[in-house]
């Protein structure tokens, strides 16, 4: 294994501190409301200085949206790993399973996070902005699967964007049902509506 691919003890410790700060921040946001909580409040609740908090999260939004970091790579990698003879649309649907696992593992926590994001305009806008960057990553993965040289085609980009919209619509319905509806079924239905 190369040095670049190795996880160090420092990386593990940093990830643990980051996760703890995020948990403290989320609980404070849930209790007090996102807009009422300041960076100073977050630092005080976590027992760290403001500058320490800012080393881990550049903004309040990042403390919540950090839970979604790396999902674009995860979905793109899952998409590339799908069978070569599988059509793009079903491959996209199955690749999204890689990110909805957390909704099955911790439905109450995932629902609370999703609701906080959806109910807070600044978080929702930032989340959609971040998710917008998934489309090129997924389109590139579709192009890689097809062996396409150069930029992804319009069709690949359109499929990637439509898949993300299906995910968002399924999450909207799942959140509106207070998590009672099955997210996988909702996602399957959204994909079937466009398939």
N, C-alpha and C. Protein backbone atom coordinates (compact mmCIF):
# COMPACT_ATOMS: atom_id res chain seq x y z
N UNK A 1 0.85 -1.19 0.00
CA UNK A 1 0.00 0.00 0.00
C UNK A 1 0.88 1.23 0.00
N UNK A 2 0.51 2.22 -0.79
CA UNK A 2 1.29 3.45 -0.87
C UNK A 2 0.99 4.34 0.32
N UNK A 3 1.89 5.28 0.56
CA UNK A 3 1.68 6.22 1.66
C UNK A 3 0.42 7.03 1.44
N UNK A 4 0.12 7.36 0.18
CA UNK A 4 -1.07 8.16 -0.12
C UNK A 4 -2.35 7.40 0.18
N UNK A 5 -2.33 6.07 0.08
CA UNK A 5 -3.53 5.27 0.31
C UNK A 5 -3.68 4.81 1.75
N UNK A 6 -2.73 5.09 2.58
CA UNK A 6 -2.73 4.62 3.96
C UNK A 6 -3.50 5.57 4.87
N UNK A 7 -4.29 5.01 5.77
CA UNK A 7 -4.97 5.82 6.77
C UNK A 7 -4.09 5.85 8.01
N UNK A 8 -3.76 7.05 8.45
CA UNK A 8 -2.88 7.19 9.61
C UNK A 8 -3.69 7.32 10.88
N UNK A 9 -3.03 7.16 11.99
CA UNK A 9 -3.67 7.35 13.29
C UNK A 9 -4.18 8.78 13.41
N UNK A 10 -3.44 9.70 12.86
CA UNK A 10 -3.87 11.11 12.89
C UNK A 10 -5.17 11.30 12.12
N UNK A 11 -5.29 10.64 10.94
CA UNK A 11 -6.52 10.72 10.15
C UNK A 11 -7.70 10.15 10.92
N UNK A 12 -7.47 9.05 11.59
CA UNK A 12 -8.53 8.40 12.38
C UNK A 12 -8.96 9.31 13.52
N UNK A 13 -7.99 9.89 14.21
CA UNK A 13 -8.30 10.80 15.33
C UNK A 13 -9.04 12.03 14.82
N UNK A 14 -8.60 12.57 13.69
CA UNK A 14 -9.27 13.76 13.13
C UNK A 14 -10.72 13.43 12.76
N UNK A 15 -10.93 12.27 12.16
CA UNK A 15 -12.29 11.87 11.78
C UNK A 15 -13.16 11.69 13.02
N UNK A 16 -12.60 11.16 14.09
CA UNK A 16 -13.36 10.97 15.32
C UNK A 16 -13.75 12.31 15.94
N UNK A 17 -12.81 13.25 15.97
CA UNK A 17 -13.11 14.58 16.52
C UNK A 17 -14.16 15.26 15.65
N UNK A 18 -14.01 15.16 14.35
CA UNK A 18 -14.97 15.76 13.42
C UNK A 18 -16.37 15.18 13.64
N UNK A 19 -16.45 13.87 13.79
CA UNK A 19 -17.75 13.22 14.02
C UNK A 19 -18.36 13.68 15.34
N UNK A 20 -17.54 13.82 16.37
CA UNK A 20 -18.05 14.27 17.66
C UNK A 20 -18.54 15.71 17.60
N UNK A 21 -17.78 16.59 16.94
CA UNK A 21 -18.20 17.97 16.78
C UNK A 21 -19.50 18.05 15.98
N UNK A 22 -19.62 17.24 14.95
CA UNK A 22 -20.84 17.23 14.13
C UNK A 22 -22.03 16.77 14.96
N UNK A 23 -21.84 15.77 15.81
CA UNK A 23 -22.93 15.26 16.65
C UNK A 23 -23.39 16.33 17.64
N UNK A 24 -22.44 17.04 18.25
CA UNK A 24 -22.78 18.12 19.18
C UNK A 24 -23.52 19.22 18.43
N UNK A 25 -23.03 19.58 17.26
CA UNK A 25 -23.66 20.64 16.47
C UNK A 25 -25.07 20.25 16.07
N UNK A 26 -25.24 19.02 15.60
CA UNK A 26 -26.56 18.58 15.17
C UNK A 26 -27.57 18.63 16.32
N UNK A 27 -27.14 18.17 17.48
CA UNK A 27 -28.04 18.17 18.64
C UNK A 27 -28.43 19.59 19.02
N UNK A 28 -27.48 20.52 18.97
CA UNK A 28 -27.77 21.92 19.28
C UNK A 28 -28.69 22.53 18.22
N UNK A 29 -28.45 22.24 16.96
CA UNK A 29 -29.33 22.73 15.89
C UNK A 29 -30.74 22.20 16.06
N UNK A 30 -30.83 20.92 16.39
CA UNK A 30 -32.15 20.29 16.54
C UNK A 30 -32.92 20.91 17.70
N UNK A 31 -32.21 21.18 18.78
CA UNK A 31 -32.85 21.71 19.99
C UNK A 31 -33.17 23.20 19.87
N UNK A 32 -32.23 23.99 19.34
CA UNK A 32 -32.37 25.45 19.34
C UNK A 32 -32.83 26.03 18.00
N UNK A 33 -32.66 25.27 16.94
CA UNK A 33 -32.95 25.80 15.60
C UNK A 33 -31.66 26.27 14.96
N UNK A 34 -31.47 25.90 13.72
CA UNK A 34 -30.22 26.16 13.03
C UNK A 34 -29.85 27.64 13.03
N UNK A 35 -30.80 28.50 12.69
CA UNK A 35 -30.50 29.92 12.55
C UNK A 35 -30.19 30.62 13.87
N UNK A 36 -30.64 30.07 14.99
CA UNK A 36 -30.40 30.70 16.29
C UNK A 36 -29.03 30.36 16.87
N UNK A 37 -28.40 29.31 16.35
CA UNK A 37 -27.13 28.85 16.89
C UNK A 37 -25.97 29.55 16.17
N UNK A 38 -25.04 30.09 16.94
CA UNK A 38 -23.87 30.76 16.37
C UNK A 38 -22.67 29.81 16.42
N UNK A 39 -21.63 30.19 15.71
CA UNK A 39 -20.39 29.41 15.79
C UNK A 39 -19.84 29.39 17.20
N UNK A 40 -19.98 30.51 17.92
CA UNK A 40 -19.53 30.55 19.31
C UNK A 40 -20.33 29.56 20.17
N UNK A 41 -21.65 29.47 19.91
CA UNK A 41 -22.48 28.51 20.63
C UNK A 41 -22.00 27.08 20.38
N UNK A 42 -21.69 26.79 19.12
CA UNK A 42 -21.24 25.45 18.75
C UNK A 42 -19.93 25.10 19.45
N UNK A 43 -18.99 26.05 19.41
CA UNK A 43 -17.69 25.82 20.04
C UNK A 43 -17.86 25.60 21.54
N UNK A 44 -18.69 26.43 22.18
CA UNK A 44 -18.90 26.30 23.62
C UNK A 44 -19.55 24.96 23.96
N UNK A 45 -20.54 24.55 23.19
CA UNK A 45 -21.22 23.28 23.46
C UNK A 45 -20.27 22.10 23.29
N UNK A 46 -19.33 22.22 22.37
CA UNK A 46 -18.38 21.15 22.11
C UNK A 46 -17.16 21.21 23.03
N UNK A 47 -17.02 22.32 23.76
CA UNK A 47 -15.89 22.47 24.66
C UNK A 47 -14.58 22.73 23.93
N UNK A 48 -14.66 23.41 22.79
CA UNK A 48 -13.47 23.76 22.02
C UNK A 48 -13.52 25.25 21.70
N UNK A 49 -12.41 25.77 21.20
CA UNK A 49 -12.40 27.17 20.80
C UNK A 49 -13.09 27.31 19.44
N UNK A 50 -13.50 28.52 19.14
CA UNK A 50 -14.12 28.80 17.84
C UNK A 50 -13.16 28.43 16.71
N UNK A 51 -11.87 28.76 16.87
CA UNK A 51 -10.90 28.47 15.82
C UNK A 51 -10.72 26.96 15.63
N UNK A 52 -10.80 26.21 16.72
CA UNK A 52 -10.72 24.75 16.60
C UNK A 52 -11.93 24.23 15.83
N UNK A 53 -13.11 24.72 16.16
CA UNK A 53 -14.31 24.29 15.44
C UNK A 53 -14.17 24.59 13.96
N UNK A 54 -13.68 25.80 13.65
CA UNK A 54 -13.54 26.22 12.26
C UNK A 54 -12.45 25.43 11.50
N UNK A 55 -11.52 24.82 12.23
CA UNK A 55 -10.52 23.97 11.56
C UNK A 55 -11.19 22.70 11.01
N UNK A 56 -12.23 22.26 11.68
CA UNK A 56 -12.93 21.05 11.25
C UNK A 56 -14.09 21.35 10.29
N UNK A 57 -14.74 22.46 10.50
CA UNK A 57 -15.88 22.86 9.68
C UNK A 57 -15.76 24.34 9.37
N UNK A 58 -15.72 24.69 8.11
CA UNK A 58 -15.58 26.09 7.72
C UNK A 58 -16.81 26.92 7.99
N UNK A 59 -17.98 26.26 8.05
CA UNK A 59 -19.24 26.97 8.29
C UNK A 59 -20.15 26.10 9.15
N UNK A 60 -21.21 26.70 9.65
CA UNK A 60 -22.23 25.92 10.38
C UNK A 60 -22.83 24.87 9.46
N UNK A 61 -23.09 25.26 8.22
CA UNK A 61 -23.69 24.33 7.26
C UNK A 61 -22.84 23.08 7.08
N UNK A 62 -21.53 23.27 7.05
CA UNK A 62 -20.63 22.14 6.86
C UNK A 62 -20.72 21.12 8.00
N UNK A 63 -21.07 21.59 9.18
CA UNK A 63 -21.19 20.67 10.32
C UNK A 63 -22.35 19.69 10.12
N UNK A 64 -23.36 20.11 9.38
CA UNK A 64 -24.49 19.22 9.07
C UNK A 64 -24.22 18.46 7.77
N UNK A 65 -23.80 19.18 6.76
CA UNK A 65 -23.67 18.59 5.43
C UNK A 65 -22.45 17.69 5.29
N UNK A 66 -21.57 17.72 6.29
CA UNK A 66 -20.44 16.79 6.29
C UNK A 66 -20.89 15.34 6.26
N UNK A 67 -22.12 15.08 6.74
CA UNK A 67 -22.66 13.72 6.72
C UNK A 67 -22.84 13.22 5.29
N UNK A 68 -22.88 14.12 4.32
CA UNK A 68 -23.10 13.74 2.93
C UNK A 68 -21.82 13.76 2.10
N UNK A 69 -20.69 14.09 2.73
CA UNK A 69 -19.42 14.19 2.01
C UNK A 69 -19.03 12.85 1.42
N UNK A 70 -18.50 12.91 0.23
CA UNK A 70 -18.00 11.72 -0.43
C UNK A 70 -19.05 10.85 -1.09
N UNK A 71 -20.33 11.24 -0.96
CA UNK A 71 -21.38 10.42 -1.54
C UNK A 71 -21.32 10.42 -3.06
N UNK A 72 -20.87 11.52 -3.66
CA UNK A 72 -20.75 11.56 -5.12
C UNK A 72 -19.76 10.51 -5.60
N UNK A 73 -18.63 10.40 -4.91
CA UNK A 73 -17.63 9.39 -5.28
C UNK A 73 -18.16 7.98 -5.03
N UNK A 74 -18.87 7.83 -3.93
CA UNK A 74 -19.41 6.52 -3.60
C UNK A 74 -20.39 6.04 -4.68
N UNK A 75 -21.30 6.92 -5.11
CA UNK A 75 -22.27 6.55 -6.15
C UNK A 75 -21.56 6.33 -7.48
N UNK A 76 -20.62 7.20 -7.82
CA UNK A 76 -19.89 7.05 -9.09
C UNK A 76 -19.11 5.74 -9.11
N UNK A 77 -18.47 5.40 -8.00
CA UNK A 77 -17.73 4.13 -7.93
C UNK A 77 -18.68 2.94 -8.03
N UNK A 78 -19.82 3.03 -7.36
CA UNK A 78 -20.82 1.95 -7.43
C UNK A 78 -21.35 1.81 -8.86
N UNK A 79 -21.50 2.93 -9.54
CA UNK A 79 -21.98 2.91 -10.92
C UNK A 79 -20.96 2.24 -11.84
N UNK A 80 -19.69 2.59 -11.66
CA UNK A 80 -18.65 1.96 -12.47
C UNK A 80 -18.56 0.45 -12.21
N UNK A 81 -18.92 0.03 -11.02
CA UNK A 81 -18.84 -1.39 -10.64
C UNK A 81 -20.03 -2.21 -11.13
N UNK A 82 -21.06 -1.57 -11.65
CA UNK A 82 -22.23 -2.30 -12.15
C UNK A 82 -21.83 -3.13 -13.37
N UNK A 83 -22.56 -4.21 -13.63
CA UNK A 83 -22.22 -5.05 -14.80
C UNK A 83 -22.20 -4.24 -16.09
N UNK A 84 -21.22 -4.53 -16.93
CA UNK A 84 -21.03 -3.77 -18.17
C UNK A 84 -22.22 -3.88 -19.11
N UNK A 85 -22.94 -4.99 -19.05
CA UNK A 85 -24.08 -5.17 -19.96
C UNK A 85 -25.39 -4.60 -19.42
N UNK A 86 -25.35 -4.01 -18.24
CA UNK A 86 -26.55 -3.42 -17.64
C UNK A 86 -26.77 -2.03 -18.26
N UNK A 87 -28.00 -1.74 -18.61
CA UNK A 87 -28.33 -0.43 -19.18
C UNK A 87 -28.08 0.67 -18.15
N UNK A 88 -27.89 1.89 -18.66
CA UNK A 88 -27.56 3.02 -17.78
C UNK A 88 -28.60 3.27 -16.70
N UNK A 89 -29.89 3.25 -17.06
CA UNK A 89 -30.92 3.64 -16.11
C UNK A 89 -30.99 2.68 -14.92
N UNK A 90 -31.05 1.36 -15.13
CA UNK A 90 -31.03 0.47 -13.97
C UNK A 90 -29.70 0.53 -13.21
N UNK A 91 -28.60 0.76 -13.93
CA UNK A 91 -27.30 0.87 -13.25
C UNK A 91 -27.29 2.08 -12.32
N UNK A 92 -27.84 3.19 -12.78
CA UNK A 92 -27.95 4.38 -11.93
C UNK A 92 -28.81 4.09 -10.70
N UNK A 93 -29.93 3.43 -10.93
CA UNK A 93 -30.82 3.12 -9.80
C UNK A 93 -30.10 2.28 -8.75
N UNK A 94 -29.40 1.24 -9.19
CA UNK A 94 -28.71 0.36 -8.24
C UNK A 94 -27.51 1.05 -7.58
N UNK A 95 -26.85 1.93 -8.31
CA UNK A 95 -25.71 2.66 -7.74
C UNK A 95 -26.15 3.55 -6.59
N UNK A 96 -27.37 4.07 -6.64
CA UNK A 96 -27.86 4.92 -5.55
C UNK A 96 -28.08 4.15 -4.25
N UNK A 97 -28.17 2.84 -4.33
CA UNK A 97 -28.27 2.04 -3.11
C UNK A 97 -27.07 2.28 -2.19
N UNK A 98 -25.93 2.65 -2.78
CA UNK A 98 -24.73 2.87 -1.99
C UNK A 98 -24.86 4.04 -1.02
N UNK A 99 -25.77 4.98 -1.30
CA UNK A 99 -25.93 6.12 -0.39
C UNK A 99 -27.21 6.06 0.43
N UNK A 100 -28.13 5.19 0.06
CA UNK A 100 -29.34 5.14 0.88
C UNK A 100 -29.24 4.09 1.99
N UNK A 101 -28.12 3.41 2.05
CA UNK A 101 -27.90 2.45 3.13
C UNK A 101 -28.01 3.09 4.51
N UNK A 102 -27.51 4.31 4.63
CA UNK A 102 -27.57 4.99 5.94
C UNK A 102 -29.01 5.26 6.38
N UNK A 103 -29.93 5.39 5.42
CA UNK A 103 -31.33 5.61 5.75
C UNK A 103 -31.95 4.34 6.31
N UNK A 104 -31.43 3.18 5.91
CA UNK A 104 -31.92 1.91 6.46
C UNK A 104 -31.26 1.59 7.79
N UNK A 105 -29.97 1.94 7.92
CA UNK A 105 -29.22 1.63 9.13
C UNK A 105 -29.69 2.47 10.32
N UNK A 106 -29.98 3.73 10.08
CA UNK A 106 -30.39 4.64 11.15
C UNK A 106 -31.52 5.52 10.64
N UNK A 107 -32.73 4.94 10.47
CA UNK A 107 -33.81 5.72 9.88
C UNK A 107 -34.17 6.96 10.69
N UNK A 108 -34.17 6.86 12.01
CA UNK A 108 -34.54 8.02 12.83
C UNK A 108 -33.50 9.13 12.68
N UNK A 109 -32.23 8.79 12.72
CA UNK A 109 -31.17 9.78 12.55
C UNK A 109 -31.17 10.38 11.16
N UNK A 110 -31.37 9.53 10.16
CA UNK A 110 -31.40 10.02 8.77
C UNK A 110 -32.60 10.93 8.55
N UNK A 111 -33.73 10.57 9.15
CA UNK A 111 -34.93 11.41 9.02
C UNK A 111 -34.70 12.77 9.68
N UNK A 112 -34.12 12.76 10.86
CA UNK A 112 -33.86 14.03 11.56
C UNK A 112 -32.89 14.91 10.76
N UNK A 113 -31.85 14.30 10.20
CA UNK A 113 -30.89 15.07 9.40
C UNK A 113 -31.55 15.61 8.14
N UNK A 114 -32.30 14.76 7.45
CA UNK A 114 -32.97 15.18 6.22
C UNK A 114 -33.97 16.29 6.50
N UNK A 115 -34.71 16.15 7.57
CA UNK A 115 -35.69 17.18 7.93
C UNK A 115 -35.00 18.49 8.26
N UNK A 116 -33.90 18.45 9.01
CA UNK A 116 -33.17 19.67 9.33
C UNK A 116 -32.69 20.35 8.05
N UNK A 117 -32.15 19.56 7.12
CA UNK A 117 -31.67 20.12 5.86
C UNK A 117 -32.82 20.73 5.07
N UNK A 118 -33.91 19.99 4.92
CA UNK A 118 -35.05 20.46 4.12
C UNK A 118 -35.75 21.67 4.75
N UNK A 119 -35.79 21.72 6.07
CA UNK A 119 -36.51 22.79 6.76
C UNK A 119 -35.69 24.06 6.99
N UNK A 120 -34.41 24.02 6.65
CA UNK A 120 -33.53 25.18 6.83
C UNK A 120 -33.09 25.67 5.45
N UNK A 121 -33.62 26.81 5.01
CA UNK A 121 -33.33 27.27 3.64
C UNK A 121 -31.84 27.33 3.29
N UNK A 122 -31.01 27.80 4.20
CA UNK A 122 -29.58 27.89 3.87
C UNK A 122 -28.96 26.52 3.73
N UNK A 123 -29.37 25.57 4.56
CA UNK A 123 -28.87 24.21 4.46
C UNK A 123 -29.37 23.53 3.19
N UNK A 124 -30.63 23.72 2.89
CA UNK A 124 -31.22 23.11 1.70
C UNK A 124 -30.52 23.62 0.45
N UNK A 125 -30.31 24.92 0.38
CA UNK A 125 -29.64 25.50 -0.79
C UNK A 125 -28.21 24.98 -0.91
N UNK A 126 -27.51 24.92 0.19
CA UNK A 126 -26.12 24.44 0.17
C UNK A 126 -26.06 22.97 -0.20
N UNK A 127 -27.01 22.18 0.31
CA UNK A 127 -27.07 20.75 -0.01
C UNK A 127 -27.33 20.55 -1.51
N UNK A 128 -28.27 21.30 -2.05
CA UNK A 128 -28.57 21.18 -3.49
C UNK A 128 -27.37 21.63 -4.33
N UNK A 129 -26.67 22.66 -3.85
CA UNK A 129 -25.47 23.13 -4.55
C UNK A 129 -24.41 22.02 -4.58
N UNK A 130 -24.21 21.38 -3.42
CA UNK A 130 -23.23 20.29 -3.36
C UNK A 130 -23.68 19.12 -4.22
N UNK A 131 -24.97 18.80 -4.16
CA UNK A 131 -25.48 17.66 -4.91
C UNK A 131 -25.40 17.93 -6.42
N UNK A 132 -25.47 19.19 -6.81
CA UNK A 132 -25.35 19.54 -8.23
C UNK A 132 -24.02 19.04 -8.80
N UNK A 133 -23.00 18.99 -7.96
CA UNK A 133 -21.69 18.51 -8.43
C UNK A 133 -21.67 17.00 -8.63
N UNK A 134 -22.69 16.30 -8.13
CA UNK A 134 -22.76 14.86 -8.35
C UNK A 134 -23.03 14.55 -9.82
N UNK A 135 -23.83 15.39 -10.50
CA UNK A 135 -24.24 15.09 -11.86
C UNK A 135 -23.05 14.87 -12.79
N UNK A 136 -22.05 15.78 -12.81
CA UNK A 136 -20.90 15.51 -13.67
C UNK A 136 -20.15 14.23 -13.28
N UNK A 137 -20.07 13.95 -11.98
CA UNK A 137 -19.38 12.73 -11.54
C UNK A 137 -20.12 11.48 -12.03
N UNK A 138 -21.44 11.51 -11.95
CA UNK A 138 -22.22 10.35 -12.42
C UNK A 138 -22.19 10.25 -13.94
N UNK A 139 -22.27 11.38 -14.62
CA UNK A 139 -22.19 11.36 -16.08
C UNK A 139 -20.83 10.82 -16.53
N UNK A 140 -19.77 11.22 -15.83
CA UNK A 140 -18.43 10.70 -16.16
C UNK A 140 -18.37 9.19 -15.94
N UNK A 141 -18.99 8.72 -14.85
CA UNK A 141 -19.01 7.27 -14.59
C UNK A 141 -19.78 6.54 -15.69
N UNK A 142 -20.89 7.13 -16.15
CA UNK A 142 -21.63 6.52 -17.27
C UNK A 142 -20.76 6.48 -18.52
N UNK A 143 -20.03 7.56 -18.78
CA UNK A 143 -19.14 7.61 -19.94
C UNK A 143 -18.03 6.56 -19.81
N UNK A 144 -17.50 6.41 -18.61
CA UNK A 144 -16.46 5.40 -18.38
C UNK A 144 -17.00 3.99 -18.65
N UNK A 145 -18.22 3.74 -18.19
CA UNK A 145 -18.83 2.42 -18.42
C UNK A 145 -18.99 2.14 -19.90
N UNK A 146 -19.30 3.19 -20.67
CA UNK A 146 -19.53 3.03 -22.10
C UNK A 146 -18.23 3.09 -22.91
N UNK A 147 -17.12 3.41 -22.23
CA UNK A 147 -15.85 3.53 -22.92
C UNK A 147 -15.77 4.80 -23.77
N UNK A 148 -16.58 5.80 -23.40
CA UNK A 148 -16.62 7.06 -24.15
C UNK A 148 -15.38 7.89 -23.84
N UNK A 149 -14.68 8.28 -24.90
CA UNK A 149 -13.54 9.19 -24.74
C UNK A 149 -14.08 10.61 -24.70
N UNK A 150 -13.40 11.50 -24.04
CA UNK A 150 -13.84 12.89 -23.99
C UNK A 150 -14.96 13.08 -23.00
N UNK A 151 -15.62 14.23 -23.09
CA UNK A 151 -16.66 14.55 -22.10
C UNK A 151 -17.88 13.63 -22.26
N UNK A 152 -18.65 13.48 -21.18
CA UNK A 152 -19.88 12.69 -21.27
C UNK A 152 -20.83 13.29 -22.30
N UNK A 153 -21.66 12.44 -22.85
CA UNK A 153 -22.64 12.90 -23.83
C UNK A 153 -23.78 13.62 -23.12
N UNK A 154 -24.57 14.32 -23.92
CA UNK A 154 -25.77 14.98 -23.39
C UNK A 154 -26.69 13.96 -22.73
N UNK A 155 -26.88 12.81 -23.37
CA UNK A 155 -27.75 11.77 -22.84
C UNK A 155 -27.24 11.26 -21.49
N UNK A 156 -25.94 11.07 -21.36
CA UNK A 156 -25.36 10.61 -20.09
C UNK A 156 -25.57 11.65 -18.99
N UNK A 157 -25.37 12.91 -19.33
CA UNK A 157 -25.58 13.99 -18.36
C UNK A 157 -27.04 14.09 -17.96
N UNK A 158 -27.93 13.94 -18.94
CA UNK A 158 -29.37 14.02 -18.65
C UNK A 158 -29.80 12.87 -17.76
N UNK A 159 -29.31 11.67 -18.03
CA UNK A 159 -29.66 10.51 -17.18
C UNK A 159 -29.15 10.70 -15.76
N UNK A 160 -27.94 11.21 -15.63
CA UNK A 160 -27.37 11.43 -14.30
C UNK A 160 -28.22 12.45 -13.53
N UNK A 161 -28.60 13.54 -14.18
CA UNK A 161 -29.43 14.56 -13.53
C UNK A 161 -30.80 14.02 -13.17
N UNK A 162 -31.39 13.24 -14.06
CA UNK A 162 -32.71 12.67 -13.79
C UNK A 162 -32.65 11.70 -12.60
N UNK A 163 -31.57 10.93 -12.52
CA UNK A 163 -31.42 9.98 -11.41
C UNK A 163 -31.35 10.72 -10.08
N UNK A 164 -30.63 11.83 -10.05
CA UNK A 164 -30.54 12.61 -8.81
C UNK A 164 -31.88 13.23 -8.45
N UNK A 165 -32.63 13.67 -9.46
CA UNK A 165 -33.97 14.19 -9.18
C UNK A 165 -34.88 13.10 -8.64
N UNK A 166 -34.77 11.89 -9.16
CA UNK A 166 -35.55 10.77 -8.63
C UNK A 166 -35.21 10.54 -7.15
N UNK A 167 -33.93 10.60 -6.82
CA UNK A 167 -33.52 10.44 -5.42
C UNK A 167 -34.14 11.53 -4.56
N UNK A 168 -34.09 12.77 -5.01
CA UNK A 168 -34.64 13.87 -4.22
C UNK A 168 -36.16 13.76 -4.06
N UNK A 169 -36.85 13.36 -5.12
CA UNK A 169 -38.30 13.19 -5.02
C UNK A 169 -38.63 12.07 -4.04
N UNK A 170 -37.90 10.96 -4.12
CA UNK A 170 -38.13 9.85 -3.18
C UNK A 170 -37.88 10.31 -1.75
N UNK A 171 -36.81 11.07 -1.53
CA UNK A 171 -36.52 11.58 -0.19
C UNK A 171 -37.60 12.55 0.29
N UNK A 172 -38.11 13.38 -0.61
CA UNK A 172 -39.21 14.29 -0.25
C UNK A 172 -40.41 13.50 0.27
N UNK A 173 -40.80 12.47 -0.46
CA UNK A 173 -41.97 11.67 -0.06
C UNK A 173 -41.69 10.88 1.22
N UNK A 174 -40.47 10.37 1.34
CA UNK A 174 -40.09 9.63 2.55
C UNK A 174 -40.14 10.54 3.77
N UNK A 175 -39.61 11.75 3.63
CA UNK A 175 -39.61 12.71 4.75
C UNK A 175 -41.03 13.13 5.09
N UNK A 176 -41.84 13.40 4.08
CA UNK A 176 -43.23 13.80 4.31
C UNK A 176 -44.03 12.71 5.03
N UNK A 177 -43.62 11.46 4.84
CA UNK A 177 -44.32 10.34 5.51
C UNK A 177 -43.75 10.07 6.90
N UNK A 178 -42.84 10.92 7.36
CA UNK A 178 -42.13 10.71 8.64
C UNK A 178 -41.39 9.39 8.65
N UNK A 179 -40.89 8.99 7.49
CA UNK A 179 -40.10 7.77 7.39
C UNK A 179 -40.92 6.48 7.38
N UNK A 180 -42.24 6.61 7.34
CA UNK A 180 -43.08 5.41 7.36
C UNK A 180 -43.04 4.66 6.03
N UNK A 181 -42.93 5.40 4.92
CA UNK A 181 -42.86 4.76 3.62
C UNK A 181 -41.46 4.20 3.40
N UNK A 182 -41.37 3.16 2.60
CA UNK A 182 -40.10 2.52 2.33
C UNK A 182 -39.34 3.34 1.28
N UNK A 183 -38.16 3.82 1.63
CA UNK A 183 -37.39 4.68 0.74
C UNK A 183 -36.98 3.95 -0.53
N UNK A 184 -36.63 2.70 -0.42
CA UNK A 184 -36.23 1.94 -1.60
C UNK A 184 -37.40 1.80 -2.57
N UNK A 185 -38.58 1.52 -2.03
CA UNK A 185 -39.77 1.42 -2.87
C UNK A 185 -40.06 2.76 -3.55
N UNK A 186 -39.93 3.85 -2.80
CA UNK A 186 -40.14 5.18 -3.37
C UNK A 186 -39.14 5.47 -4.49
N UNK A 187 -37.91 5.11 -4.27
CA UNK A 187 -36.88 5.33 -5.28
C UNK A 187 -37.16 4.48 -6.52
N UNK A 188 -37.56 3.23 -6.30
CA UNK A 188 -37.91 2.36 -7.43
C UNK A 188 -39.08 2.95 -8.22
N UNK A 189 -40.09 3.47 -7.52
CA UNK A 189 -41.24 4.05 -8.18
C UNK A 189 -40.86 5.30 -8.97
N UNK A 190 -39.99 6.12 -8.40
CA UNK A 190 -39.55 7.33 -9.10
C UNK A 190 -38.81 6.97 -10.37
N UNK A 191 -37.93 5.98 -10.30
CA UNK A 191 -37.20 5.54 -11.49
C UNK A 191 -38.14 4.91 -12.52
N UNK A 192 -39.12 4.14 -12.04
CA UNK A 192 -40.07 3.50 -12.95
C UNK A 192 -40.90 4.55 -13.68
N UNK A 193 -41.21 5.64 -13.01
CA UNK A 193 -42.02 6.71 -13.63
C UNK A 193 -41.30 7.31 -14.84
N UNK A 194 -39.98 7.30 -14.81
CA UNK A 194 -39.21 7.87 -15.93
C UNK A 194 -38.64 6.79 -16.85
N UNK A 195 -38.74 5.53 -16.43
CA UNK A 195 -38.16 4.44 -17.20
C UNK A 195 -38.98 4.09 -18.34
